Amino acid sequence: MSVQAFIALGANLGQPAKQLRRAIALICLLPNTRLVSCSSFYSSAPVGYTDQPDFINAVVEITTKLSPHGLLEALLAIESALGRERHFSNGPRTIDLDLILYSNLAINNEALTVPHPRMSERAFVLVPLLEIAPNIIIPGQGRAEELLPRVTDQQLHRIA
C-alpha cells in the first residue's frame, strides 16, 4: 500500500535550482514512488552557520511503497550521487533531502526522526509545505498553518 510522504529539498552550492530539479527527477525514479506535487522554489538565508550563500528550497509530496527507512536510504543515496559532502552541521551543501513527514507516523530512532524535528522552526519548510498541502497536520504539533507565526521573522522569497 502506498503512503503519502513529504521531502524538503535545499541547496546552496553550484547551481542550486538545477540541483533541486535533478534531485526531484531522481526521486521520481525511485521504485514504487510517484511524485504528487512540487512547491515553488524559494530563496532563504542560511540558518545556524550564516557565512555561506543563500539556499534554494522546495518541498515535494510523493506517494511511495518504500518503508520510512528505505526512503531515507534512497534519499541519502541521491544526495551522494549529487555530490553531497557533510563537513559540519548546517554547512553549505550541493543538496539536502530531508524526509519531513511520512504518512501520519511519528518515528524517533537513531537513524530517523519524523516529523523532522526542526521543520516547525523553518519558514523554508513550512511555507512550501503549506503551498502544496494547505491543510496538513504535523503529528504531535498540529496544523502546519498554525505554526507559521513562529517563523514570520525569517525572510523567504519565491523565485520560481
N, C-alpha and C. Protein backbone atom coordinates (compact mmCIF):
# COMPACT_ATOMS: atom_id res chain seq x y z
N MET A 1 0.84 -1.18 0.00
CA MET A 1 0.00 0.00 0.00
C MET A 1 0.89 1.25 0.00
N SER A 2 0.55 2.20 -0.84
CA SER A 2 1.32 3.45 -0.91
C SER A 2 0.92 4.38 0.22
N VAL A 3 1.91 5.14 0.69
CA VAL A 3 1.66 6.16 1.71
C VAL A 3 2.13 7.52 1.19
N GLN A 4 1.60 8.55 1.79
CA GLN A 4 1.98 9.92 1.46
C GLN A 4 3.21 10.30 2.28
N ALA A 5 4.16 10.96 1.62
CA ALA A 5 5.35 11.45 2.31
C ALA A 5 5.73 12.80 1.73
N PHE A 6 6.42 13.59 2.54
CA PHE A 6 6.88 14.91 2.11
C PHE A 6 8.38 15.00 2.34
N ILE A 7 9.07 15.58 1.35
CA ILE A 7 10.52 15.72 1.39
C ILE A 7 10.87 17.19 1.20
N ALA A 8 11.69 17.73 2.09
CA ALA A 8 12.19 19.10 1.94
C ALA A 8 13.53 19.03 1.22
N LEU A 9 13.71 19.92 0.25
CA LEU A 9 14.94 19.98 -0.53
C LEU A 9 15.60 21.33 -0.33
N GLY A 10 16.92 21.33 -0.29
CA GLY A 10 17.66 22.59 -0.18
C GLY A 10 19.04 22.44 -0.79
N ALA A 11 19.57 23.54 -1.32
CA ALA A 11 20.93 23.55 -1.88
C ALA A 11 21.42 24.98 -1.93
N ASN A 12 22.76 25.14 -1.78
CA ASN A 12 23.32 26.48 -1.92
C ASN A 12 24.71 26.49 -2.55
N LEU A 13 25.14 25.36 -3.09
CA LEU A 13 26.43 25.30 -3.78
C LEU A 13 26.20 24.92 -5.24
N GLY A 14 27.12 25.35 -6.10
CA GLY A 14 27.00 25.04 -7.52
C GLY A 14 25.83 25.79 -8.12
N GLN A 15 24.94 25.07 -8.74
CA GLN A 15 23.72 25.65 -9.31
C GLN A 15 22.53 25.09 -8.53
N PRO A 16 22.16 25.75 -7.42
CA PRO A 16 21.17 25.17 -6.50
C PRO A 16 19.83 24.80 -7.15
N ALA A 17 19.27 25.66 -7.98
CA ALA A 17 17.98 25.34 -8.59
C ALA A 17 18.11 24.10 -9.48
N LYS A 18 19.21 24.01 -10.22
CA LYS A 18 19.46 22.84 -11.07
C LYS A 18 19.61 21.59 -10.21
N GLN A 19 20.29 21.71 -9.08
CA GLN A 19 20.46 20.57 -8.17
C GLN A 19 19.10 20.09 -7.64
N LEU A 20 18.21 21.04 -7.30
CA LEU A 20 16.88 20.64 -6.83
C LEU A 20 16.13 19.91 -7.92
N ARG A 21 16.18 20.43 -9.16
CA ARG A 21 15.48 19.77 -10.27
C ARG A 21 16.05 18.36 -10.51
N ARG A 22 17.36 18.21 -10.41
CA ARG A 22 17.98 16.89 -10.59
C ARG A 22 17.54 15.94 -9.48
N ALA A 23 17.51 16.43 -8.25
CA ALA A 23 17.08 15.59 -7.13
C ALA A 23 15.62 15.16 -7.30
N ILE A 24 14.77 16.07 -7.72
CA ILE A 24 13.35 15.73 -7.93
C ILE A 24 13.23 14.67 -9.02
N ALA A 25 14.01 14.81 -10.09
CA ALA A 25 13.98 13.80 -11.16
C ALA A 25 14.41 12.44 -10.63
N LEU A 26 15.42 12.40 -9.76
CA LEU A 26 15.86 11.13 -9.20
C LEU A 26 14.86 10.55 -8.21
N ILE A 27 14.18 11.41 -7.46
CA ILE A 27 13.11 10.94 -6.57
C ILE A 27 12.02 10.27 -7.39
N CYS A 28 11.71 10.85 -8.55
CA CYS A 28 10.68 10.28 -9.43
C CYS A 28 11.05 8.89 -9.94
N LEU A 29 12.34 8.58 -9.95
CA LEU A 29 12.80 7.28 -10.43
C LEU A 29 12.85 6.20 -9.35
N LEU A 30 12.57 6.58 -8.11
CA LEU A 30 12.60 5.59 -7.03
C LEU A 30 11.52 4.54 -7.26
N PRO A 31 11.80 3.28 -6.92
CA PRO A 31 10.81 2.23 -7.14
C PRO A 31 9.54 2.46 -6.31
N ASN A 32 8.42 2.15 -6.93
CA ASN A 32 7.11 2.23 -6.25
C ASN A 32 6.86 3.60 -5.64
N THR A 33 7.34 4.64 -6.32
CA THR A 33 7.21 6.01 -5.82
C THR A 33 6.69 6.90 -6.94
N ARG A 34 5.79 7.81 -6.59
CA ARG A 34 5.22 8.72 -7.58
C ARG A 34 5.21 10.14 -7.02
N LEU A 35 5.65 11.08 -7.84
CA LEU A 35 5.59 12.49 -7.45
C LEU A 35 4.15 12.96 -7.55
N VAL A 36 3.63 13.54 -6.47
CA VAL A 36 2.27 14.07 -6.44
C VAL A 36 2.29 15.57 -6.73
N SER A 37 3.17 16.30 -6.06
CA SER A 37 3.25 17.75 -6.28
C SER A 37 4.60 18.28 -5.81
N CYS A 38 4.92 19.44 -6.35
CA CYS A 38 6.18 20.12 -6.02
C CYS A 38 5.86 21.58 -5.78
N SER A 39 6.38 22.12 -4.70
CA SER A 39 6.17 23.54 -4.40
C SER A 39 6.98 24.41 -5.35
N SER A 40 6.75 25.69 -5.26
CA SER A 40 7.63 26.66 -5.90
C SER A 40 9.00 26.56 -5.26
N PHE A 41 10.00 27.16 -5.89
CA PHE A 41 11.33 27.27 -5.30
C PHE A 41 11.40 28.59 -4.55
N TYR A 42 12.07 28.56 -3.41
CA TYR A 42 12.20 29.74 -2.55
C TYR A 42 13.66 29.98 -2.22
N SER A 43 14.01 31.23 -2.09
CA SER A 43 15.35 31.62 -1.64
C SER A 43 15.26 31.97 -0.16
N SER A 44 16.24 31.48 0.61
CA SER A 44 16.24 31.76 2.04
C SER A 44 17.66 31.93 2.54
N ALA A 45 17.80 32.74 3.57
CA ALA A 45 19.10 32.94 4.21
C ALA A 45 19.46 31.68 4.99
N PRO A 46 20.74 31.39 5.12
CA PRO A 46 21.14 30.23 5.91
C PRO A 46 20.79 30.39 7.39
N VAL A 47 20.56 29.25 8.04
CA VAL A 47 20.24 29.22 9.47
C VAL A 47 21.40 28.51 10.18
N GLY A 48 21.76 28.99 11.34
CA GLY A 48 22.87 28.39 12.08
C GLY A 48 24.18 29.02 11.61
N TYR A 49 24.89 28.31 10.78
CA TYR A 49 26.14 28.82 10.20
C TYR A 49 25.76 29.76 9.06
N THR A 50 25.99 31.06 9.24
CA THR A 50 25.49 32.06 8.29
C THR A 50 26.51 32.54 7.27
N ASP A 51 27.77 32.16 7.40
CA ASP A 51 28.80 32.60 6.46
C ASP A 51 28.84 31.68 5.24
N GLN A 52 27.74 31.72 4.47
CA GLN A 52 27.59 30.88 3.28
C GLN A 52 26.50 31.49 2.40
N PRO A 53 26.41 31.05 1.14
CA PRO A 53 25.40 31.60 0.24
C PRO A 53 23.98 31.26 0.70
N ASP A 54 23.02 32.05 0.21
CA ASP A 54 21.61 31.75 0.45
C ASP A 54 21.26 30.39 -0.16
N PHE A 55 20.20 29.80 0.36
CA PHE A 55 19.72 28.50 -0.11
C PHE A 55 18.56 28.67 -1.08
N ILE A 56 18.38 27.68 -1.92
CA ILE A 56 17.16 27.49 -2.68
C ILE A 56 16.47 26.28 -2.06
N ASN A 57 15.18 26.42 -1.75
CA ASN A 57 14.43 25.37 -1.06
C ASN A 57 13.13 25.07 -1.77
N ALA A 58 12.63 23.87 -1.54
CA ALA A 58 11.33 23.44 -2.04
C ALA A 58 10.88 22.25 -1.20
N VAL A 59 9.62 21.86 -1.38
CA VAL A 59 9.07 20.66 -0.75
C VAL A 59 8.31 19.89 -1.82
N VAL A 60 8.49 18.56 -1.81
CA VAL A 60 7.72 17.71 -2.71
C VAL A 60 6.87 16.74 -1.91
N GLU A 61 5.74 16.41 -2.50
CA GLU A 61 4.86 15.38 -1.95
C GLU A 61 4.95 14.17 -2.87
N ILE A 62 5.12 13.01 -2.27
CA ILE A 62 5.16 11.77 -3.03
C ILE A 62 4.20 10.77 -2.42
N THR A 63 3.89 9.73 -3.19
CA THR A 63 3.33 8.52 -2.63
C THR A 63 4.38 7.44 -2.87
N THR A 64 4.52 6.55 -1.92
CA THR A 64 5.57 5.53 -2.03
C THR A 64 5.16 4.26 -1.30
N LYS A 65 5.72 3.17 -1.77
CA LYS A 65 5.59 1.90 -1.06
C LYS A 65 6.86 1.59 -0.28
N LEU A 66 7.86 2.47 -0.40
CA LEU A 66 9.09 2.28 0.37
C LEU A 66 8.79 2.51 1.86
N SER A 67 9.46 1.78 2.70
CA SER A 67 9.34 1.99 4.15
C SER A 67 9.98 3.33 4.49
N PRO A 68 9.72 3.87 5.67
CA PRO A 68 10.37 5.12 6.05
C PRO A 68 11.89 5.02 5.98
N HIS A 69 12.46 3.93 6.50
CA HIS A 69 13.91 3.78 6.48
C HIS A 69 14.42 3.50 5.07
N GLY A 70 13.64 2.78 4.27
CA GLY A 70 14.01 2.55 2.88
C GLY A 70 14.03 3.84 2.09
N LEU A 71 13.04 4.70 2.35
CA LEU A 71 13.00 6.00 1.68
C LEU A 71 14.18 6.87 2.13
N LEU A 72 14.47 6.87 3.41
CA LEU A 72 15.62 7.63 3.91
C LEU A 72 16.91 7.16 3.22
N GLU A 73 17.11 5.86 3.14
CA GLU A 73 18.31 5.34 2.47
C GLU A 73 18.37 5.79 1.02
N ALA A 74 17.23 5.78 0.33
CA ALA A 74 17.19 6.21 -1.07
C ALA A 74 17.53 7.70 -1.18
N LEU A 75 17.03 8.51 -0.25
CA LEU A 75 17.33 9.95 -0.28
C LEU A 75 18.81 10.20 -0.01
N LEU A 76 19.40 9.46 0.91
CA LEU A 76 20.83 9.60 1.18
C LEU A 76 21.66 9.20 -0.04
N ALA A 77 21.20 8.18 -0.77
CA ALA A 77 21.90 7.76 -1.99
C ALA A 77 21.81 8.84 -3.07
N ILE A 78 20.67 9.50 -3.17
CA ILE A 78 20.52 10.61 -4.13
C ILE A 78 21.45 11.75 -3.74
N GLU A 79 21.49 12.09 -2.45
CA GLU A 79 22.42 13.14 -2.00
C GLU A 79 23.85 12.79 -2.40
N SER A 80 24.24 11.57 -2.18
CA SER A 80 25.59 11.14 -2.51
C SER A 80 25.85 11.23 -4.01
N ALA A 81 24.89 10.79 -4.80
CA ALA A 81 25.02 10.84 -6.26
C ALA A 81 25.15 12.27 -6.77
N LEU A 82 24.57 13.21 -6.04
CA LEU A 82 24.62 14.63 -6.44
C LEU A 82 25.76 15.38 -5.75
N GLY A 83 26.68 14.65 -5.14
CA GLY A 83 27.90 15.27 -4.62
C GLY A 83 27.82 15.82 -3.22
N ARG A 84 26.85 15.40 -2.43
CA ARG A 84 26.72 15.90 -1.06
C ARG A 84 27.88 15.44 -0.22
N GLU A 85 28.51 16.40 0.45
CA GLU A 85 29.56 16.11 1.42
C GLU A 85 29.15 16.74 2.75
N ARG A 86 29.39 16.05 3.84
CA ARG A 86 28.99 16.52 5.16
C ARG A 86 30.24 16.90 5.95
N HIS A 87 30.58 18.19 5.89
CA HIS A 87 31.76 18.66 6.61
C HIS A 87 31.44 19.08 8.04
N PHE A 88 30.30 19.77 8.22
CA PHE A 88 29.86 20.17 9.55
C PHE A 88 28.38 20.53 9.49
N SER A 89 27.75 20.54 10.64
CA SER A 89 26.32 20.79 10.73
C SER A 89 25.95 22.17 10.19
N ASN A 90 24.88 22.23 9.43
CA ASN A 90 24.33 23.46 8.84
C ASN A 90 25.29 24.12 7.86
N GLY A 91 26.25 23.37 7.35
CA GLY A 91 27.21 23.93 6.39
C GLY A 91 26.64 23.98 4.99
N PRO A 92 27.40 24.59 4.07
CA PRO A 92 26.97 24.66 2.68
C PRO A 92 26.85 23.25 2.08
N ARG A 93 25.96 23.12 1.09
CA ARG A 93 25.77 21.79 0.50
C ARG A 93 25.23 21.87 -0.92
N THR A 94 25.60 20.86 -1.69
CA THR A 94 25.10 20.76 -3.06
C THR A 94 23.64 20.35 -3.06
N ILE A 95 23.24 19.56 -2.08
CA ILE A 95 21.84 19.13 -1.97
C ILE A 95 21.59 18.61 -0.56
N ASP A 96 20.39 18.86 -0.09
CA ASP A 96 19.96 18.34 1.20
C ASP A 96 18.54 17.84 1.01
N LEU A 97 18.30 16.58 1.32
CA LEU A 97 16.98 15.97 1.20
C LEU A 97 16.56 15.47 2.57
N ASP A 98 15.52 16.08 3.11
CA ASP A 98 15.04 15.69 4.44
C ASP A 98 13.64 15.11 4.34
N LEU A 99 13.49 13.90 4.84
CA LEU A 99 12.16 13.29 4.96
C LEU A 99 11.49 13.98 6.14
N ILE A 100 10.51 14.85 5.84
CA ILE A 100 9.91 15.64 6.91
C ILE A 100 8.63 15.03 7.46
N LEU A 101 7.87 14.33 6.60
CA LEU A 101 6.65 13.66 7.04
C LEU A 101 6.50 12.35 6.29
N TYR A 102 6.06 11.32 6.99
CA TYR A 102 5.80 10.03 6.38
C TYR A 102 4.47 9.55 6.93
N SER A 103 3.43 9.62 6.08
CA SER A 103 2.07 9.32 6.50
C SER A 103 1.77 10.15 7.75
N ASN A 104 1.12 9.58 8.71
CA ASN A 104 0.88 10.31 9.97
C ASN A 104 1.72 9.72 11.09
N LEU A 105 2.84 9.08 10.71
CA LEU A 105 3.68 8.40 11.69
C LEU A 105 4.58 9.37 12.45
N ALA A 106 4.85 9.01 13.67
CA ALA A 106 5.89 9.66 14.48
C ALA A 106 6.95 8.59 14.71
N ILE A 107 8.17 8.87 14.22
CA ILE A 107 9.28 7.93 14.32
C ILE A 107 10.43 8.65 15.00
N ASN A 108 11.05 8.01 15.96
CA ASN A 108 12.20 8.63 16.62
C ASN A 108 13.18 7.54 17.03
N ASN A 109 14.18 7.32 16.17
CA ASN A 109 15.24 6.37 16.50
C ASN A 109 16.56 6.94 16.02
N GLU A 110 17.63 6.18 16.18
CA GLU A 110 18.97 6.70 15.84
C GLU A 110 19.09 7.12 14.39
N ALA A 111 18.39 6.44 13.50
CA ALA A 111 18.54 6.70 12.06
C ALA A 111 17.58 7.76 11.54
N LEU A 112 16.40 7.89 12.16
CA LEU A 112 15.36 8.72 11.56
C LEU A 112 14.44 9.32 12.61
N THR A 113 14.15 10.59 12.44
CA THR A 113 13.14 11.26 13.25
C THR A 113 12.14 11.92 12.31
N VAL A 114 10.89 11.49 12.41
CA VAL A 114 9.78 12.03 11.61
C VAL A 114 8.62 12.23 12.55
N PRO A 115 7.96 13.39 12.51
CA PRO A 115 8.25 14.56 11.69
C PRO A 115 9.66 15.09 11.97
N HIS A 116 10.20 15.74 10.94
CA HIS A 116 11.54 16.31 11.08
C HIS A 116 11.54 17.23 12.30
N PRO A 117 12.53 17.08 13.20
CA PRO A 117 12.47 17.78 14.50
C PRO A 117 12.51 19.30 14.43
N ARG A 118 13.02 19.89 13.36
CA ARG A 118 13.09 21.36 13.30
C ARG A 118 12.20 21.96 12.21
N MET A 119 11.35 21.14 11.60
CA MET A 119 10.55 21.65 10.49
C MET A 119 9.62 22.79 10.90
N SER A 120 9.11 22.75 12.12
CA SER A 120 8.18 23.80 12.55
C SER A 120 8.90 25.10 12.90
N GLU A 121 10.24 25.08 12.89
CA GLU A 121 11.03 26.28 13.17
C GLU A 121 11.59 26.92 11.91
N ARG A 122 11.24 26.40 10.74
CA ARG A 122 11.85 26.82 9.49
C ARG A 122 10.81 27.29 8.48
N ALA A 123 10.83 28.58 8.16
CA ALA A 123 9.93 29.10 7.13
C ALA A 123 10.18 28.41 5.80
N PHE A 124 11.45 28.07 5.51
CA PHE A 124 11.76 27.45 4.22
C PHE A 124 11.22 26.03 4.10
N VAL A 125 10.69 25.48 5.19
CA VAL A 125 9.99 24.20 5.13
C VAL A 125 8.48 24.43 5.19
N LEU A 126 8.03 25.22 6.15
CA LEU A 126 6.59 25.40 6.34
C LEU A 126 5.90 26.08 5.16
N VAL A 127 6.50 27.12 4.62
CA VAL A 127 5.83 27.86 3.54
C VAL A 127 5.65 26.99 2.29
N PRO A 128 6.72 26.34 1.79
CA PRO A 128 6.49 25.48 0.62
C PRO A 128 5.60 24.27 0.93
N LEU A 129 5.67 23.74 2.15
CA LEU A 129 4.79 22.64 2.53
C LEU A 129 3.34 23.08 2.46
N LEU A 130 3.04 24.23 3.02
CA LEU A 130 1.66 24.72 3.01
C LEU A 130 1.19 25.10 1.61
N GLU A 131 2.11 25.45 0.74
CA GLU A 131 1.73 25.75 -0.65
C GLU A 131 1.12 24.52 -1.32
N ILE A 132 1.69 23.34 -1.06
CA ILE A 132 1.19 22.13 -1.73
C ILE A 132 0.24 21.30 -0.87
N ALA A 133 0.21 21.56 0.43
CA ALA A 133 -0.66 20.81 1.35
C ALA A 133 -1.21 21.77 2.40
N PRO A 134 -2.14 22.65 2.00
CA PRO A 134 -2.59 23.72 2.90
C PRO A 134 -3.27 23.25 4.18
N ASN A 135 -3.75 22.03 4.22
CA ASN A 135 -4.45 21.53 5.41
C ASN A 135 -3.65 20.49 6.18
N ILE A 136 -2.35 20.42 5.91
CA ILE A 136 -1.52 19.38 6.50
C ILE A 136 -1.43 19.52 8.02
N ILE A 137 -1.49 18.38 8.67
CA ILE A 137 -1.34 18.31 10.13
C ILE A 137 -0.02 17.60 10.42
N ILE A 138 0.79 18.20 11.26
CA ILE A 138 2.07 17.62 11.64
C ILE A 138 1.84 16.82 12.92
N PRO A 139 2.06 15.50 12.86
CA PRO A 139 1.81 14.68 14.06
C PRO A 139 2.52 15.24 15.30
N GLY A 140 1.74 15.37 16.36
CA GLY A 140 2.29 15.84 17.63
C GLY A 140 2.42 17.35 17.74
N GLN A 141 2.17 18.08 16.62
CA GLN A 141 2.32 19.54 16.64
C GLN A 141 1.09 20.29 16.19
N GLY A 142 0.22 19.65 15.42
CA GLY A 142 -0.99 20.30 14.96
C GLY A 142 -0.90 20.78 13.52
N ARG A 143 -1.81 21.67 13.17
CA ARG A 143 -1.89 22.19 11.81
C ARG A 143 -0.65 23.04 11.49
N ALA A 144 -0.03 22.75 10.36
CA ALA A 144 1.17 23.49 9.95
C ALA A 144 0.86 24.98 9.83
N GLU A 145 -0.31 25.30 9.37
CA GLU A 145 -0.73 26.70 9.21
C GLU A 145 -0.65 27.47 10.53
N GLU A 146 -0.94 26.80 11.62
CA GLU A 146 -0.92 27.44 12.94
C GLU A 146 0.50 27.63 13.46
N LEU A 147 1.48 26.99 12.82
CA LEU A 147 2.88 27.13 13.24
C LEU A 147 3.58 28.29 12.55
N LEU A 148 2.98 28.83 11.49
CA LEU A 148 3.61 29.91 10.72
C LEU A 148 4.00 31.13 11.55
N PRO A 149 3.20 31.57 12.53
CA PRO A 149 3.60 32.75 13.31
C PRO A 149 4.97 32.62 13.98
N ARG A 150 5.42 31.40 14.21
CA ARG A 150 6.73 31.17 14.83
C ARG A 150 7.89 31.59 13.92
N VAL A 151 7.64 31.67 12.61
CA VAL A 151 8.73 31.86 11.65
C VAL A 151 8.58 33.13 10.81
N THR A 152 7.72 34.04 11.25
CA THR A 152 7.48 35.24 10.44
C THR A 152 8.71 36.15 10.35
N ASP A 153 9.67 35.97 11.24
CA ASP A 153 10.89 36.79 11.21
C ASP A 153 11.90 36.29 10.18
N GLN A 154 11.66 35.13 9.57
CA GLN A 154 12.58 34.54 8.60
C GLN A 154 12.21 34.98 7.19
N GLN A 155 13.17 35.59 6.49
CA GLN A 155 12.94 36.06 5.12
C GLN A 155 12.92 34.89 4.14
N LEU A 156 11.93 34.91 3.29
CA LEU A 156 11.76 33.87 2.28
C LEU A 156 11.21 34.52 1.03
N HIS A 157 11.79 34.20 -0.14
CA HIS A 157 11.35 34.81 -1.39
C HIS A 157 11.09 33.73 -2.41
N ARG A 158 9.86 33.74 -2.97
CA ARG A 158 9.54 32.79 -4.04
C ARG A 158 10.29 33.19 -5.29
N ILE A 159 10.99 32.23 -5.91
CA ILE A 159 11.77 32.57 -7.10
C ILE A 159 11.29 31.84 -8.36
N ALA A 160 10.60 30.74 -8.21
CA ALA A 160 10.11 30.01 -9.38
C ALA A 160 9.00 29.06 -8.99
